Amino acid sequence: MRNPLIIAVILCLIYGMFIKFGPKPVHVQMQSQWQDNRYAIEKYMRDSRSGNQYKVVFVGSSLTNRLDFNENSGCVYNLSLGGDSSLTGLGAIANSAEIPRLVFIEINVPERSVNQDLINNGKRVEMRISAIFYVENMPMNLALGLLHRPSKEKSAKTEPEINESILQNALALQLRNYQIPISSDILNNNLVEFTHMVRGIEEKGGKVILYEMPIHPDLENTPRAVQIRNAFKKTFPNHKLLDFHELAGGGAIRTMDGMHLSSSEAINVVENMTPYINSICTKDLSLNPR
């Protein structure tokens, strides 16, 4: 029994040395959306513990996931989660060592509650022991990252054209979904959780800005979209809400599937958010909670 244990320890030490001194992937690669989300939360919580505190954090769903803040990568962290919601990102912030100075909260998908499993993964004790336990350092993920060779010219210009048939079919499905309001019990319960999370951020000196990601114009004034918008305005009457008009900035929004922005549309949204980001990342302003 002792020999297998000794062999396992030796292999872990060897793998740990490889991770520390071996080649590093240029881009992290995962095998699933769950792992992508786990990585986003793990990295944020690890960085927070190590003193690499981001001043601005975005929490949201897959709608926010396409927003690229690389120009402010040392200051801004995109904690959006595919198939999840802002509440899980807020839960990760609440379980971190420090609170960001500014938190942007996407309101588009409020019916999903906190995914505690993801947060618990980021809090695991072994994360503080060795990098071999990081999700990106799983052997298959590390291999995928080392083998990945991204194109040198990845931009909106190289993005494939939107397939009109796919767009219309997806939009028709979303239109049916958006005709049905969210259960009032679910929405109200989650708004209570949002209120608790926002209060916790502000009590520790952070500031919160709400925002509504632009989606296809045909969906913007459907029963569900209006319900969500009005519910957040009523719950947070004194908070800044960046609406879809401001974030679209007058640009034509077509989306890829009715919900998710194309690369060029996402770039436009980031540009319209930049003044709010720069107020934190490029200036030493004192932000007092409301």
Protein backbone atom coordinates (compact mmCIF):
# COMPACT_ATOMS: atom_id res chain seq x y z
CA MET A 1 0.00 0.00 0.00
CA ARG A 2 2.90 2.29 0.77
CA ASN A 3 4.57 1.95 -2.63
CA PRO A 4 1.56 3.20 -4.68
CA LEU A 5 1.27 6.19 -2.34
CA ILE A 6 4.95 7.01 -2.71
CA ILE A 7 4.70 6.66 -6.49
CA ALA A 8 1.66 8.98 -6.54
CA VAL A 9 3.50 11.62 -4.50
CA ILE A 10 6.55 11.41 -6.77
CA LEU A 11 4.39 11.75 -9.88
CA CYS A 12 2.62 14.76 -8.39
CA LEU A 13 5.96 16.39 -7.60
CA ILE A 14 7.22 15.76 -11.13
CA TYR A 15 4.01 17.15 -12.64
CA GLY A 16 4.21 20.17 -10.34
CA MET A 17 7.76 20.87 -11.52
CA PHE A 18 6.63 20.57 -15.14
CA ILE A 19 3.81 23.07 -14.54
CA LYS A 20 6.17 25.50 -12.82
CA PHE A 21 9.15 25.30 -15.15
CA GLY A 22 7.78 23.75 -18.34
CA PRO A 23 6.22 25.47 -21.37
CA LYS A 24 3.14 27.60 -20.71
CA PRO A 25 0.09 27.70 -23.01
CA VAL A 26 -0.53 31.06 -24.65
CA HIS A 27 -4.27 30.52 -24.28
CA VAL A 28 -6.05 28.38 -21.70
CA GLN A 29 -8.20 25.66 -23.26
CA MET A 30 -11.01 23.76 -21.56
CA GLN A 31 -13.10 20.75 -22.50
CA SER A 32 -16.53 22.07 -21.52
CA GLN A 33 -18.54 25.13 -20.55
CA TRP A 34 -18.55 23.92 -16.94
CA GLN A 35 -14.75 23.96 -16.92
CA ASP A 36 -14.70 27.41 -18.56
CA ASN A 37 -16.90 28.70 -15.75
CA ARG A 38 -14.87 26.91 -13.12
CA TYR A 39 -11.69 28.45 -14.50
CA ALA A 40 -13.18 31.97 -14.47
CA ILE A 41 -14.14 31.66 -10.81
CA GLU A 42 -11.02 29.79 -9.67
CA LYS A 43 -8.70 32.31 -11.30
CA TYR A 44 -10.56 35.27 -9.88
CA MET A 45 -10.49 33.86 -6.35
CA ARG A 46 -6.84 32.80 -6.66
CA ASP A 47 -5.80 36.22 -7.91
CA SER A 48 -7.72 37.86 -5.08
CA ARG A 49 -5.93 35.72 -2.49
CA SER A 50 -2.53 36.45 -4.03
CA GLY A 51 -3.03 40.22 -3.92
CA ASN A 52 -3.75 40.69 -7.63
CA GLN A 53 -6.95 42.59 -6.99
CA TYR A 54 -8.97 43.73 -10.00
CA LYS A 55 -10.48 47.17 -9.60
CA VAL A 56 -13.37 46.52 -12.00
CA VAL A 57 -15.30 43.25 -12.32
CA PHE A 58 -18.12 42.32 -14.70
CA VAL A 59 -20.53 39.61 -13.62
CA GLY A 60 -23.08 38.16 -16.01
CA SER A 61 -24.18 35.34 -18.27
CA SER A 62 -22.92 34.19 -21.66
CA LEU A 63 -24.23 37.50 -23.07
CA THR A 64 -21.37 39.32 -21.33
CA ASN A 65 -18.88 36.57 -22.12
CA ARG A 66 -18.04 38.06 -25.53
CA LEU A 67 -16.92 41.39 -24.07
CA ASP A 68 -13.14 41.63 -24.37
CA PHE A 69 -11.37 43.92 -21.90
CA ASN A 70 -7.82 42.91 -22.83
CA GLU A 71 -6.67 46.53 -23.06
CA ASN A 72 -7.45 46.83 -19.34
CA SER A 73 -6.63 43.22 -18.43
CA GLY A 74 -4.72 44.16 -15.29
CA CYS A 75 -7.61 46.25 -14.03
CA VAL A 76 -10.78 44.60 -15.39
CA TYR A 77 -11.92 41.01 -14.91
CA ASN A 78 -14.76 39.48 -16.91
CA LEU A 79 -16.46 37.08 -14.51
CA SER A 80 -19.30 36.17 -16.87
CA LEU A 81 -20.42 32.55 -16.91
CA GLY A 82 -21.95 30.63 -19.80
CA GLY A 83 -25.29 29.05 -18.90
CA ASP A 84 -25.18 30.78 -15.53
CA SER A 85 -25.98 34.20 -14.11
CA SER A 86 -24.71 37.31 -12.37
CA LEU A 87 -25.61 35.91 -8.96
CA THR A 88 -22.91 33.22 -9.19
CA GLY A 89 -20.31 35.83 -10.10
CA LEU A 90 -21.46 37.98 -7.18
CA GLY A 91 -21.17 34.94 -4.93
CA ALA A 92 -17.55 34.50 -6.04
CA ILE A 93 -16.83 38.16 -5.23
CA ALA A 94 -18.44 37.76 -1.80
CA ASN A 95 -16.13 34.80 -1.10
CA SER A 96 -12.96 36.60 -2.24
CA ALA A 97 -10.32 38.32 -0.17
CA GLU A 98 -11.24 41.85 -1.28
CA ILE A 99 -14.08 43.71 -2.96
CA PRO A 100 -13.51 45.47 -6.33
CA ARG A 101 -13.95 49.22 -6.47
CA LEU A 102 -16.56 48.88 -9.21
CA VAL A 103 -18.81 45.93 -10.06
CA PHE A 104 -20.91 45.85 -13.25
CA ILE A 105 -23.93 43.57 -12.91
CA GLU A 106 -25.71 42.24 -16.00
CA ILE A 107 -29.48 42.05 -15.44
CA ASN A 108 -30.55 40.05 -18.51
CA VAL A 109 -30.75 36.59 -16.92
CA PRO A 110 -32.02 37.02 -13.33
CA GLU A 111 -33.95 33.75 -13.12
CA ARG A 112 -30.83 31.68 -12.40
CA SER A 113 -29.75 31.53 -8.76
CA VAL A 114 -26.28 31.12 -7.28
CA ASN A 115 -24.38 28.05 -8.50
CA GLN A 116 -22.79 27.10 -5.20
CA ASP A 117 -20.88 24.16 -6.69
CA LEU A 118 -18.81 26.51 -8.84
CA ILE A 119 -18.05 28.77 -5.91
CA ASN A 120 -17.11 25.82 -3.69
CA ASN A 121 -14.63 24.66 -6.35
CA GLY A 122 -12.87 28.00 -6.17
CA LYS A 123 -12.69 27.79 -2.35
CA ARG A 124 -11.18 24.29 -2.15
CA VAL A 125 -8.21 23.97 0.20
CA GLU A 126 -6.06 22.17 -2.37
CA MET A 127 -6.14 25.29 -4.56
CA ARG A 128 -3.87 26.91 -2.00
CA ILE A 129 -1.51 23.94 -1.88
CA SER A 130 -0.39 23.35 -5.46
CA ALA A 131 -1.04 24.51 -9.03
CA ILE A 132 -1.50 20.89 -10.10
CA PHE A 133 -5.07 21.18 -8.79
CA TYR A 134 -5.99 24.16 -10.97
CA VAL A 135 -8.57 23.25 -13.60
CA GLU A 136 -6.41 24.64 -16.41
CA ASN A 137 -3.60 22.32 -15.33
CA MET A 138 -5.58 19.14 -15.68
CA PRO A 139 -3.41 17.05 -18.04
CA MET A 140 -5.90 17.12 -20.93
CA ASN A 141 -6.56 20.86 -20.56
CA LEU A 142 -2.86 21.64 -20.35
CA ALA A 143 -2.20 19.53 -23.44
CA LEU A 144 -5.00 21.28 -25.34
CA GLY A 145 -3.57 24.65 -24.35
CA LEU A 146 -0.05 23.73 -25.47
CA LEU A 147 -1.32 22.36 -28.79
CA HIS A 148 -3.65 25.32 -29.49
CA ARG A 149 -2.34 27.66 -32.17
CA PRO A 150 -4.68 30.68 -32.49
CA SER A 151 -4.77 32.75 -35.64
CA LYS A 152 -2.60 35.87 -35.46
CA GLU A 153 -5.43 37.93 -36.90
CA LYS A 154 -8.43 37.25 -34.73
CA SER A 155 -10.75 40.20 -35.15
CA ALA A 156 -14.22 41.22 -36.18
CA LYS A 157 -12.95 41.36 -39.78
CA THR A 158 -12.25 37.62 -39.77
CA GLU A 159 -15.50 36.64 -38.08
CA PRO A 160 -17.68 34.40 -40.29
CA GLU A 161 -20.79 36.00 -41.70
CA ILE A 162 -23.99 35.41 -39.73
CA ASN A 163 -26.00 32.54 -41.17
CA GLU A 164 -29.37 34.19 -41.84
CA SER A 165 -31.33 30.94 -41.65
CA ILE A 166 -29.80 29.99 -38.29
CA LEU A 167 -30.37 33.50 -36.97
CA GLN A 168 -34.05 33.56 -37.94
CA ASN A 169 -34.72 30.10 -36.50
CA ALA A 170 -32.97 30.98 -33.23
CA LEU A 171 -34.72 34.34 -33.07
CA ALA A 172 -38.13 32.69 -33.53
CA LEU A 173 -37.37 30.39 -30.59
CA GLN A 174 -36.25 33.31 -28.42
CA LEU A 175 -39.36 35.29 -29.34
CA ARG A 176 -41.53 32.46 -28.03
CA ASN A 177 -39.52 32.26 -24.82
CA TYR A 178 -39.59 36.02 -24.25
CA GLN A 179 -43.36 36.17 -24.52
CA ILE A 180 -43.50 34.30 -21.20
CA PRO A 181 -42.58 36.33 -18.09
CA ILE A 182 -40.39 34.80 -15.40
CA SER A 183 -42.22 33.28 -12.45
CA SER A 184 -42.78 36.12 -9.98
CA ASP A 185 -41.69 33.90 -7.08
CA ILE A 186 -38.38 33.05 -8.75
CA LEU A 187 -37.71 36.63 -9.83
CA ASN A 188 -38.59 38.14 -6.45
CA ASN A 189 -36.52 35.59 -4.54
CA ASN A 190 -33.51 36.24 -6.73
CA LEU A 191 -33.95 40.01 -6.47
CA VAL A 192 -33.73 39.60 -2.70
CA GLU A 193 -30.40 37.81 -3.27
CA PHE A 194 -29.23 40.54 -5.66
CA THR A 195 -30.09 43.16 -3.02
CA HIS A 196 -28.14 41.26 -0.37
CA MET A 197 -25.10 40.91 -2.64
CA VAL A 198 -25.15 44.57 -3.72
CA ARG A 199 -25.45 45.71 -0.12
CA GLY A 200 -22.46 43.56 0.83
CA ILE A 201 -20.32 45.12 -1.91
CA GLU A 202 -21.30 48.66 -0.99
CA GLU A 203 -20.80 48.15 2.75
CA LYS A 204 -17.19 47.23 1.96
CA GLY A 205 -16.60 50.35 -0.13
CA GLY A 206 -17.41 49.15 -3.63
CA LYS A 207 -19.73 50.72 -6.16
CA VAL A 208 -22.28 48.93 -8.35
CA ILE A 209 -23.51 49.73 -11.85
CA LEU A 210 -26.29 47.66 -13.42
CA TYR A 211 -26.40 47.12 -17.16
CA GLU A 212 -28.67 45.51 -19.72
CA MET A 213 -26.83 43.84 -22.58
CA PRO A 214 -28.27 44.66 -26.03
CA ILE A 215 -30.09 41.77 -27.67
CA HIS A 216 -31.98 41.58 -30.96
CA PRO A 217 -34.35 44.58 -31.33
CA ASP A 218 -37.32 42.22 -31.75
CA LEU A 219 -36.74 40.99 -28.19
CA GLU A 220 -36.10 44.28 -26.40
CA ASN A 221 -39.74 45.10 -25.59
CA THR A 222 -41.18 41.62 -25.14
CA PRO A 223 -43.03 40.81 -21.89
CA ARG A 224 -40.01 39.12 -20.29
CA ALA A 225 -37.52 41.84 -21.22
CA VAL A 226 -39.83 44.58 -19.95
CA GLN A 227 -40.55 42.61 -16.77
CA ILE A 228 -36.84 42.21 -15.99
CA ARG A 229 -36.00 45.85 -16.77
CA ASN A 230 -38.83 47.23 -14.63
CA ALA A 231 -38.10 44.84 -11.76
CA PHE A 232 -34.49 46.01 -11.48
CA LYS A 233 -35.45 49.67 -11.77
CA LYS A 234 -37.96 49.21 -8.96
CA THR A 235 -35.55 47.22 -6.77
CA PHE A 236 -32.57 49.54 -7.35
CA PRO A 237 -34.08 53.00 -7.97
CA ASN A 238 -30.93 54.86 -6.89
CA HIS A 239 -28.44 52.86 -8.90
CA LYS A 240 -27.07 53.64 -12.33
CA LEU A 241 -28.55 51.37 -14.99
CA LEU A 242 -26.84 51.35 -18.38
CA ASP A 243 -29.66 50.42 -20.72
CA PHE A 244 -29.38 48.61 -24.02
CA HIS A 245 -29.78 51.88 -25.97
CA GLU A 246 -26.69 53.40 -24.38
CA LEU A 247 -24.58 50.26 -24.75
CA ALA A 248 -25.60 49.78 -28.38
CA GLY A 249 -24.68 53.42 -28.95
CA GLY A 250 -26.94 53.75 -31.95
CA GLY A 251 -25.31 50.78 -33.67
CA ALA A 252 -27.37 48.23 -35.57
CA ILE A 253 -27.74 45.09 -33.45
CA ARG A 254 -28.40 41.84 -35.32
CA THR A 255 -26.72 39.33 -32.96
CA MET A 256 -25.61 35.81 -33.84
CA ASP A 257 -28.74 34.07 -32.56
CA GLY A 258 -31.07 36.73 -31.20
CA MET A 259 -29.20 36.92 -27.88
CA HIS A 260 -25.43 36.81 -28.33
CA LEU A 261 -23.59 39.69 -29.98
CA SER A 262 -21.26 39.32 -32.93
CA SER A 263 -17.61 40.25 -32.34
CA SER A 264 -18.02 43.67 -33.93
CA GLU A 265 -21.15 44.37 -31.85
CA ALA A 266 -19.33 43.29 -28.67
CA ILE A 267 -16.44 45.63 -29.51
CA ASN A 268 -18.93 48.48 -29.85
CA VAL A 269 -20.46 47.71 -26.44
CA VAL A 270 -17.01 47.67 -24.81
CA GLU A 271 -16.24 51.06 -26.36
CA ASN A 272 -19.46 52.47 -24.91
CA MET A 273 -18.54 51.12 -21.48
CA THR A 274 -14.99 52.45 -21.64
CA PRO A 275 -15.68 55.85 -20.02
CA TYR A 276 -17.00 54.11 -16.90
CA ILE A 277 -14.03 51.73 -16.84
CA ASN A 278 -11.45 54.46 -17.39
CA SER A 279 -12.81 56.43 -14.45
CA ILE A 280 -11.39 53.63 -12.29
CA CYS A 281 -8.52 52.18 -14.28
CA THR A 282 -6.82 55.42 -15.33
CA LYS A 283 -7.73 57.82 -12.53
CA ASP A 284 -7.49 57.72 -8.76
CA LEU A 285 -11.06 58.67 -7.93
CA SER A 286 -12.72 58.18 -4.57
CA LEU A 287 -15.84 56.07 -4.95
CA ASN A 288 -18.28 56.10 -2.09
CA PRO A 289 -21.11 53.59 -1.99
CA ARG A 290 -24.61 54.90 -2.37
